[in-house]
Amino acid sequence: MRARKRKNTPDRIVACSEYFIEDPLAYKSNWNEAFGNNQNIRLEIGCGKGDFVKGMAEKNPDVNFIAIEKATDIIVLALEKIKDAGLKNVRFINCDAELLTEIFPEGMFDTIYINFCDPWPKKRHAKRRLTSPIFLELFKKILSKDGEIHFKTDNRPLFDYSLETFPECGYKLKNISFDLHTDELPYDNVKTEYERNFIAKGFKINRLEAFIEQEESQ
């Protein structure tokens, strides 16, 4: 679905420039400079209107968050939400996930969040899915040694597809749920706007955590 055109988007982004990274390549050698501290940094891919990253930043003030979103008319809403909340541990980048390895160094993130991404249901579009082998191999490069991917979706076919692609790409899975809001799993869940809407309509939310199992040294 194409994002609705917003009024005065460029000016609104400028007004939130404290939170917006216009030139991400300038920080590739040291992303902590973007925050002015040495806290760990986590990544959300496809942040939408910013509900999730806002909630996570509030819950984890000692962690920094980078949120990327390719739709300019959506990311402006997330920027304004973070600015209004006065949070200092969030930064935004307006880009596509395909560029992640160009702007981030290897092993940068201990956690990558993917929430309610486009399922690209047609088979010919499978390579565009964020849990396709193409993207899962890309994510390996920017995950830290013990890093994890946390994935949520309401789309069961996409979830079933992902349950296959993660192991195929060398990931181990844990905390798998086919009904997140019924299961009692060991984590705090921050709901996105999509998630609240889906729950209200009776949809079940699927979730998993994926990681690369490290070989024990001899």
Protein backbone atom coordinates (compact mmCIF):
# COMPACT_ATOMS: atom_id res chain seq x y z
CA MET A 1 0.00 0.00 0.00
CA ARG A 2 1.41 3.38 -0.99
CA ALA A 3 1.86 5.91 1.81
CA ARG A 4 -0.51 8.87 1.80
CA LYS A 5 1.18 12.11 0.77
CA ARG A 6 1.79 14.38 3.75
CA LYS A 7 1.89 18.16 3.73
CA ASN A 8 5.21 19.97 4.15
CA THR A 9 7.16 16.76 4.66
CA PRO A 10 10.65 18.22 3.91
CA ASP A 11 10.14 21.10 6.35
CA ARG A 12 8.78 18.77 9.01
CA ILE A 13 11.83 16.53 8.67
CA VAL A 14 14.11 19.55 9.03
CA ALA A 15 12.26 20.46 12.23
CA CYS A 16 13.20 17.02 13.57
CA SER A 17 16.79 17.11 12.31
CA GLU A 18 18.14 16.17 15.75
CA TYR A 19 16.73 12.69 15.18
CA PHE A 20 17.22 12.36 11.43
CA ILE A 21 20.46 11.05 9.88
CA GLU A 22 20.64 12.69 6.46
CA ASP A 23 24.09 11.28 5.59
CA PRO A 24 24.44 7.85 7.24
CA LEU A 25 27.76 7.14 5.51
CA ALA A 26 29.32 9.89 7.63
CA TYR A 27 28.88 7.68 10.71
CA LYS A 28 29.83 4.28 9.29
CA SER A 29 33.15 4.16 11.17
CA ASN A 30 31.56 5.15 14.50
CA TRP A 31 27.79 5.20 14.87
CA ASN A 32 28.04 6.05 18.56
CA GLU A 33 28.90 9.59 17.45
CA ALA A 34 25.33 9.94 16.22
CA PHE A 35 24.16 9.52 19.83
CA GLY A 36 27.05 11.03 21.74
CA ASN A 37 27.51 7.95 23.95
CA ASN A 38 28.79 4.36 23.82
CA GLN A 39 25.56 2.49 24.50
CA ASN A 40 24.69 -0.61 22.49
CA ILE A 41 22.70 0.06 19.34
CA ARG A 42 19.74 -1.93 18.03
CA LEU A 43 18.03 -1.68 14.64
CA GLU A 44 14.40 -1.67 13.54
CA ILE A 45 13.80 -2.30 9.85
CA GLY A 46 10.62 -0.68 8.56
CA CYS A 47 9.62 1.42 11.56
CA GLY A 48 6.36 2.74 10.13
CA LYS A 49 4.90 5.50 12.30
CA GLY A 50 7.33 4.76 15.13
CA ASP A 51 5.16 3.18 17.83
CA PHE A 52 7.47 0.21 18.36
CA VAL A 53 10.76 2.07 18.48
CA LYS A 54 9.22 4.69 20.78
CA GLY A 55 8.03 2.01 23.19
CA MET A 56 11.36 0.19 23.10
CA ALA A 57 13.32 3.39 23.63
CA GLU A 58 11.17 4.27 26.64
CA LYS A 59 11.61 0.80 28.13
CA ASN A 60 15.36 0.75 27.45
CA PRO A 61 16.86 4.20 28.05
CA ASP A 62 20.34 2.65 28.28
CA VAL A 63 20.09 1.32 24.69
CA ASN A 64 20.26 3.31 21.46
CA PHE A 65 17.93 2.57 18.54
CA ILE A 66 18.25 3.21 14.82
CA ALA A 67 15.02 2.91 12.85
CA ILE A 68 14.93 2.80 9.07
CA GLU A 69 11.93 3.44 6.85
CA LYS A 70 11.95 3.88 3.09
CA ALA A 71 8.66 5.83 2.87
CA THR A 72 9.42 9.51 3.50
CA ASP A 73 5.79 10.41 4.19
CA ILE A 74 5.68 7.77 6.93
CA ILE A 75 9.04 8.35 8.58
CA VAL A 76 8.13 12.00 9.19
CA LEU A 77 5.35 10.82 11.51
CA ALA A 78 7.78 8.64 13.44
CA LEU A 79 10.25 11.51 13.74
CA GLU A 80 7.60 13.81 15.16
CA LYS A 81 6.45 11.13 17.61
CA ILE A 82 9.96 10.71 19.01
CA LYS A 83 10.54 14.46 19.13
CA ASP A 84 7.26 15.04 21.00
CA ALA A 85 8.25 12.32 23.51
CA GLY A 86 11.62 13.97 24.07
CA LEU A 87 13.54 10.72 23.63
CA LYS A 88 17.27 11.05 23.01
CA ASN A 89 18.16 7.44 22.20
CA VAL A 90 16.52 7.12 18.75
CA ARG A 91 17.77 8.06 15.29
CA PHE A 92 16.06 7.59 11.92
CA ILE A 93 17.33 6.86 8.43
CA ASN A 94 15.20 7.19 5.29
CA CYS A 95 16.49 4.27 3.21
CA ASP A 96 15.83 0.79 1.87
CA ALA A 97 17.00 -2.35 3.71
CA GLU A 98 19.12 -3.28 0.69
CA LEU A 99 21.58 -0.55 1.72
CA LEU A 100 22.24 -1.78 5.25
CA THR A 101 25.69 -3.22 4.63
CA GLU A 102 26.74 0.00 2.89
CA ILE A 103 25.96 2.22 5.87
CA PHE A 104 26.64 -0.07 8.86
CA PRO A 105 29.85 -1.93 9.75
CA GLU A 106 30.01 -5.67 10.33
CA GLY A 107 28.75 -6.92 13.69
CA MET A 108 27.19 -3.64 14.74
CA PHE A 109 23.81 -4.73 16.13
CA ASP A 110 22.97 -7.11 18.97
CA THR A 111 19.29 -7.08 17.95
CA ILE A 112 17.43 -6.46 14.70
CA TYR A 113 13.64 -6.01 14.83
CA ILE A 114 11.38 -6.73 11.85
CA ASN A 115 7.71 -6.00 12.51
CA PHE A 116 4.80 -6.58 10.12
CA CYS A 117 6.82 -6.20 6.93
CA ASP A 118 5.25 -6.44 3.48
CA PRO A 119 4.53 -10.17 2.91
CA TRP A 120 4.97 -9.95 -0.88
CA PRO A 121 2.55 -12.88 -1.28
CA LYS A 122 3.21 -13.63 -4.95
CA LYS A 123 5.87 -16.29 -5.48
CA ARG A 124 7.68 -14.23 -8.10
CA HIS A 125 8.20 -11.50 -5.47
CA ALA A 126 9.59 -13.85 -2.78
CA LYS A 127 13.09 -12.38 -3.00
CA ARG A 128 11.69 -9.03 -1.80
CA ARG A 129 10.54 -10.46 1.51
CA LEU A 130 12.70 -9.33 4.42
CA THR A 131 12.99 -12.94 5.54
CA SER A 132 14.13 -14.18 2.14
CA PRO A 133 17.60 -15.77 1.95
CA ILE A 134 18.92 -12.64 0.21
CA PHE A 135 18.10 -10.44 3.21
CA LEU A 136 18.89 -13.04 5.87
CA GLU A 137 22.42 -13.37 4.51
CA LEU A 138 22.72 -9.57 4.47
CA PHE A 139 21.57 -9.35 8.10
CA LYS A 140 24.28 -11.80 9.17
CA LYS A 141 26.91 -9.25 8.23
CA ILE A 142 25.61 -6.53 10.53
CA LEU A 143 24.59 -8.74 13.47
CA SER A 144 27.03 -9.09 16.34
CA LYS A 145 28.45 -12.50 17.26
CA ASP A 146 25.60 -13.20 19.69
CA GLY A 147 23.03 -11.07 17.88
CA GLU A 148 19.39 -11.93 17.30
CA ILE A 149 16.59 -11.11 14.88
CA HIS A 150 13.13 -10.63 16.40
CA PHE A 151 10.38 -11.03 13.80
CA LYS A 152 6.63 -10.42 14.11
CA THR A 153 3.89 -10.77 11.52
CA ASP A 154 0.17 -11.34 11.29
CA ASN A 155 0.65 -13.09 7.94
CA ARG A 156 0.74 -16.85 8.54
CA PRO A 157 2.00 -17.80 5.04
CA LEU A 158 4.91 -15.38 5.47
CA PHE A 159 5.60 -16.79 8.93
CA ASP A 160 5.57 -20.37 7.64
CA TYR A 161 7.92 -19.31 4.84
CA SER A 162 10.21 -17.68 7.40
CA LEU A 163 10.25 -20.79 9.59
CA GLU A 164 11.90 -22.48 6.62
CA THR A 165 14.22 -19.74 5.37
CA PHE A 166 15.85 -18.92 8.70
CA PRO A 167 17.16 -22.48 9.28
CA GLU A 168 18.09 -22.79 5.60
CA CYS A 169 20.38 -19.77 6.11
CA GLY A 170 22.01 -21.18 9.22
CA TYR A 171 19.88 -19.51 11.89
CA LYS A 172 18.57 -21.26 14.99
CA LEU A 173 15.05 -20.42 16.20
CA LYS A 174 13.64 -19.92 19.70
CA ASN A 175 10.55 -18.48 21.39
CA ILE A 176 8.34 -19.33 18.42
CA SER A 177 4.72 -18.27 18.85
CA PHE A 178 1.73 -18.63 16.54
CA ASP A 179 -0.45 -16.59 18.90
CA LEU A 180 1.73 -14.05 20.67
CA HIS A 181 -0.98 -12.57 22.87
CA THR A 182 -2.09 -15.93 24.19
CA ASP A 183 1.28 -17.56 24.79
CA GLU A 184 3.29 -16.62 27.84
CA LEU A 185 6.79 -16.04 26.49
CA PRO A 186 9.72 -14.54 28.40
CA TYR A 187 9.83 -10.98 27.08
CA ASP A 188 8.02 -7.67 27.13
CA ASN A 189 6.13 -7.00 23.94
CA VAL A 190 5.75 -3.50 22.54
CA LYS A 191 2.76 -3.30 20.21
CA THR A 192 2.94 -1.51 16.88
CA GLU A 193 -0.04 0.37 15.45
CA TYR A 194 -0.58 -2.50 13.00
CA GLU A 195 -0.45 -4.98 15.87
CA ARG A 196 -3.15 -3.20 17.87
CA ASN A 197 -5.37 -3.03 14.80
CA PHE A 198 -4.84 -6.71 13.96
CA ILE A 199 -5.57 -7.79 17.54
CA ALA A 200 -8.79 -5.75 17.55
CA LYS A 201 -9.86 -7.59 14.41
CA GLY A 202 -9.11 -10.98 15.93
CA PHE A 203 -5.95 -11.77 14.00
CA LYS A 204 -3.27 -13.90 15.63
CA ILE A 205 0.24 -12.50 15.83
CA ASN A 206 3.19 -14.75 14.99
CA ARG A 207 6.63 -14.16 16.44
CA LEU A 208 10.06 -15.77 16.49
CA GLU A 209 13.61 -15.04 17.54
CA ALA A 210 16.52 -16.14 15.34
CA PHE A 211 20.24 -16.32 16.02
CA ILE A 212 23.40 -17.84 14.59
CA GLU A 213 24.74 -20.58 16.82
CA GLN A 214 28.44 -20.05 17.37
CA GLU A 215 30.79 -22.99 17.08
CA GLU A 216 32.67 -23.78 20.26
CA SER A 217 36.39 -23.13 20.02
CA GLN A 218 38.62 -26.17 20.34
